[in-house]
Amino acid sequence: MDGVQNLPPHVQGEFMKTLEQMQMKDSLTMYNTLVERCFGSCVSSFRSKSLDKNETACVEHCAERYIKMTQRVGLRFAEQQAMQQKRAADAMGK
């Protein structure tokens, strides 16, 4: 993100706007995936308007696992990016 500061102000604005849109899209995609996955595996009955205790517990557990998994994947991705940047910097320094 340091390179963004070197861009002209009007390009910085466009870049940040695009970045915000991408982040919003990613957040909505993650939310929709979580809802589809947990609802599909936990809700099996449509006898009432609300979830029963077992369905509620299942959805909560499923959502917790999904969020932990996505955080872990994000961390691993960041680690890989950092290693690639370090390798690129090391290669440039040689």
C-alpha atoms as a PDB file:
ATOM      1  CA  MET A   1       0.000   0.000   0.000  1.00  0.00           C
ATOM      2  CA  ASP A   2       3.032   2.294   0.223  1.00  0.00           C
ATOM      3  CA  GLY A   3       3.004   2.647  -3.554  1.00  0.00           C
ATOM      4  CA  VAL A   4      -0.479   4.206  -3.431  1.00  0.00           C
ATOM      5  CA  GLN A   5       0.990   7.328  -1.852  1.00  0.00           C
ATOM      6  CA  ASN A   6       3.103   7.845  -4.970  1.00  0.00           C
ATOM      7  CA  LEU A   7       0.029   7.971  -7.211  1.00  0.00           C
ATOM      8  CA  PRO A   8      -1.627  11.239  -8.232  1.00  0.00           C
ATOM      9  CA  PRO A   9      -4.497  12.230  -5.888  1.00  0.00           C
ATOM     10  CA  HIS A  10      -7.280  11.507  -8.391  1.00  0.00           C
ATOM     11  CA  VAL A  11      -5.863   8.024  -9.058  1.00  0.00           C
ATOM     12  CA  GLN A  12      -5.509   7.403  -5.308  1.00  0.00           C
ATOM     13  CA  GLY A  13      -9.196   8.168  -4.871  1.00  0.00           C
ATOM     14  CA  GLU A  14     -10.223   5.797  -7.656  1.00  0.00           C
ATOM     15  CA  PHE A  15      -7.927   3.103  -6.310  1.00  0.00           C
ATOM     16  CA  MET A  16      -9.320   3.395  -2.790  1.00  0.00           C
ATOM     17  CA  LYS A  17     -12.901   3.366  -4.101  1.00  0.00           C
ATOM     18  CA  THR A  18     -12.209   0.199  -6.103  1.00  0.00           C
ATOM     19  CA  LEU A  19     -10.484  -1.382  -3.108  1.00  0.00           C
ATOM     20  CA  GLU A  20     -13.486  -0.631  -0.874  1.00  0.00           C
ATOM     21  CA  GLN A  21     -15.845  -2.143  -3.445  1.00  0.00           C
ATOM     22  CA  MET A  22     -13.725  -5.287  -3.651  1.00  0.00           C
ATOM     23  CA  GLN A  23     -13.653  -5.589   0.128  1.00  0.00           C
ATOM     24  CA  MET A  24     -17.432  -5.182   0.327  1.00  0.00           C
ATOM     25  CA  LYS A  25     -17.937  -7.805  -2.370  1.00  0.00           C
ATOM     26  CA  ASP A  26     -15.585 -10.215  -0.556  1.00  0.00           C
ATOM     27  CA  SER A  27     -17.414  -9.645   2.742  1.00  0.00           C
ATOM     28  CA  LEU A  28     -20.805 -10.299   1.163  1.00  0.00           C
ATOM     29  CA  THR A  29     -19.505 -13.404  -0.603  1.00  0.00           C
ATOM     30  CA  MET A  30     -18.113 -14.748   2.666  1.00  0.00           C
ATOM     31  CA  TYR A  31     -21.391 -14.018   4.469  1.00  0.00           C
ATOM     32  CA  ASN A  32     -23.484 -15.666   1.750  1.00  0.00           C
ATOM     33  CA  THR A  33     -21.249 -18.734   1.701  1.00  0.00           C
ATOM     34  CA  LEU A  34     -21.476 -19.024   5.481  1.00  0.00           C
ATOM     35  CA  VAL A  35     -25.273 -18.755   5.424  1.00  0.00           C
ATOM     36  CA  GLU A  36     -25.652 -21.292   2.610  1.00  0.00           C
ATOM     37  CA  ARG A  37     -23.259 -23.786   4.172  1.00  0.00           C
ATOM     38  CA  CYS A  38     -24.566 -23.588   7.732  1.00  0.00           C
ATOM     39  CA  PHE A  39     -28.247 -23.362   6.841  1.00  0.00           C
ATOM     40  CA  GLY A  40     -27.934 -26.263   4.433  1.00  0.00           C
ATOM     41  CA  SER A  41     -26.223 -28.523   6.927  1.00  0.00           C
ATOM     42  CA  CYS A  42     -28.079 -27.518  10.095  1.00  0.00           C
ATOM     43  CA  VAL A  43     -31.679 -26.720   9.210  1.00  0.00           C
ATOM     44  CA  SER A  44     -33.731 -29.718   8.237  1.00  0.00           C
ATOM     45  CA  SER A  45     -37.211 -28.868   9.393  1.00  0.00           C
ATOM     46  CA  PHE A  46     -39.532 -26.034   8.501  1.00  0.00           C
ATOM     47  CA  ARG A  47     -42.212 -26.767  11.105  1.00  0.00           C
ATOM     48  CA  SER A  48     -41.940 -23.362  12.781  1.00  0.00           C
ATOM     49  CA  LYS A  49     -40.809 -19.811  12.093  1.00  0.00           C
ATOM     50  CA  SER A  50     -37.801 -20.127  14.363  1.00  0.00           C
ATOM     51  CA  LEU A  51     -34.974 -22.613  14.719  1.00  0.00           C
ATOM     52  CA  ASP A  52     -35.140 -25.243  17.439  1.00  0.00           C
ATOM     53  CA  LYS A  53     -32.359 -25.589  20.029  1.00  0.00           C
ATOM     54  CA  ASN A  54     -30.415 -28.210  18.085  1.00  0.00           C
ATOM     55  CA  GLU A  55     -30.556 -26.218  14.851  1.00  0.00           C
ATOM     56  CA  THR A  56     -29.496 -23.036  16.653  1.00  0.00           C
ATOM     57  CA  ALA A  57     -26.546 -24.783  18.306  1.00  0.00           C
ATOM     58  CA  CYS A  58     -25.551 -26.353  14.981  1.00  0.00           C
ATOM     59  CA  VAL A  59     -25.691 -23.023  13.129  1.00  0.00           C
ATOM     60  CA  GLU A  60     -23.657 -21.277  15.844  1.00  0.00           C
ATOM     61  CA  HIS A  61     -21.016 -24.016  15.836  1.00  0.00           C
ATOM     62  CA  CYS A  62     -20.902 -24.095  12.032  1.00  0.00           C
ATOM     63  CA  ALA A  63     -20.538 -20.309  11.791  1.00  0.00           C
ATOM     64  CA  GLU A  64     -17.804 -20.284  14.423  1.00  0.00           C
ATOM     65  CA  ARG A  65     -15.843 -22.984  12.576  1.00  0.00           C
ATOM     66  CA  TYR A  66     -16.304 -21.244   9.226  1.00  0.00           C
ATOM     67  CA  ILE A  67     -15.098 -17.890  10.569  1.00  0.00           C
ATOM     68  CA  LYS A  68     -12.058 -19.502  12.228  1.00  0.00           C
ATOM     69  CA  MET A  69     -11.249 -21.319   8.990  1.00  0.00           C
ATOM     70  CA  THR A  70     -11.474 -18.157   6.872  1.00  0.00           C
ATOM     71  CA  GLN A  71      -9.291 -16.275   9.358  1.00  0.00           C
ATOM     72  CA  ARG A  72      -6.717 -19.059   9.264  1.00  0.00           C
ATOM     73  CA  VAL A  73      -6.711 -19.116   5.460  1.00  0.00           C
ATOM     74  CA  GLY A  74      -6.317 -15.327   5.421  1.00  0.00           C
ATOM     75  CA  LEU A  75      -3.349 -15.552   7.787  1.00  0.00           C
ATOM     76  CA  ARG A  76      -1.679 -18.238   5.689  1.00  0.00           C
ATOM     77  CA  PHE A  77      -2.259 -16.185   2.559  1.00  0.00           C
ATOM     78  CA  ALA A  78      -0.679 -13.126   4.196  1.00  0.00           C
ATOM     79  CA  GLU A  79       2.308 -15.236   5.283  1.00  0.00           C
ATOM     80  CA  GLN A  80       2.771 -16.536   1.741  1.00  0.00           C
ATOM     81  CA  GLN A  81       2.527 -13.004   0.315  1.00  0.00           C
ATOM     82  CA  ALA A  82       5.131 -11.762   2.794  1.00  0.00           C
ATOM     83  CA  MET A  83       7.502 -14.607   1.884  1.00  0.00           C
ATOM     84  CA  GLN A  84       7.067 -13.924  -1.834  1.00  0.00           C
ATOM     85  CA  GLN A  85       7.728 -10.214  -1.331  1.00  0.00           C
ATOM     86  CA  LYS A  86      10.837 -11.001   0.710  1.00  0.00           C
ATOM     87  CA  ARG A  87      12.109 -13.373  -1.980  1.00  0.00           C
ATOM     88  CA  ALA A  88      11.468 -10.743  -4.646  1.00  0.00           C
ATOM     89  CA  ALA A  89      13.277  -8.095  -2.577  1.00  0.00           C
ATOM     90  CA  ASP A  90      16.187 -10.473  -1.962  1.00  0.00           C
ATOM     91  CA  ALA A  91      16.378 -11.260  -5.684  1.00  0.00           C
ATOM     92  CA  MET A  92      16.393  -7.542  -6.526  1.00  0.00           C
ATOM     93  CA  GLY A  93      19.184  -6.931  -4.008  1.00  0.00           C
ATOM     94  CA  LYS A  94      21.505  -9.532  -5.546  1.00  0.00           C
END
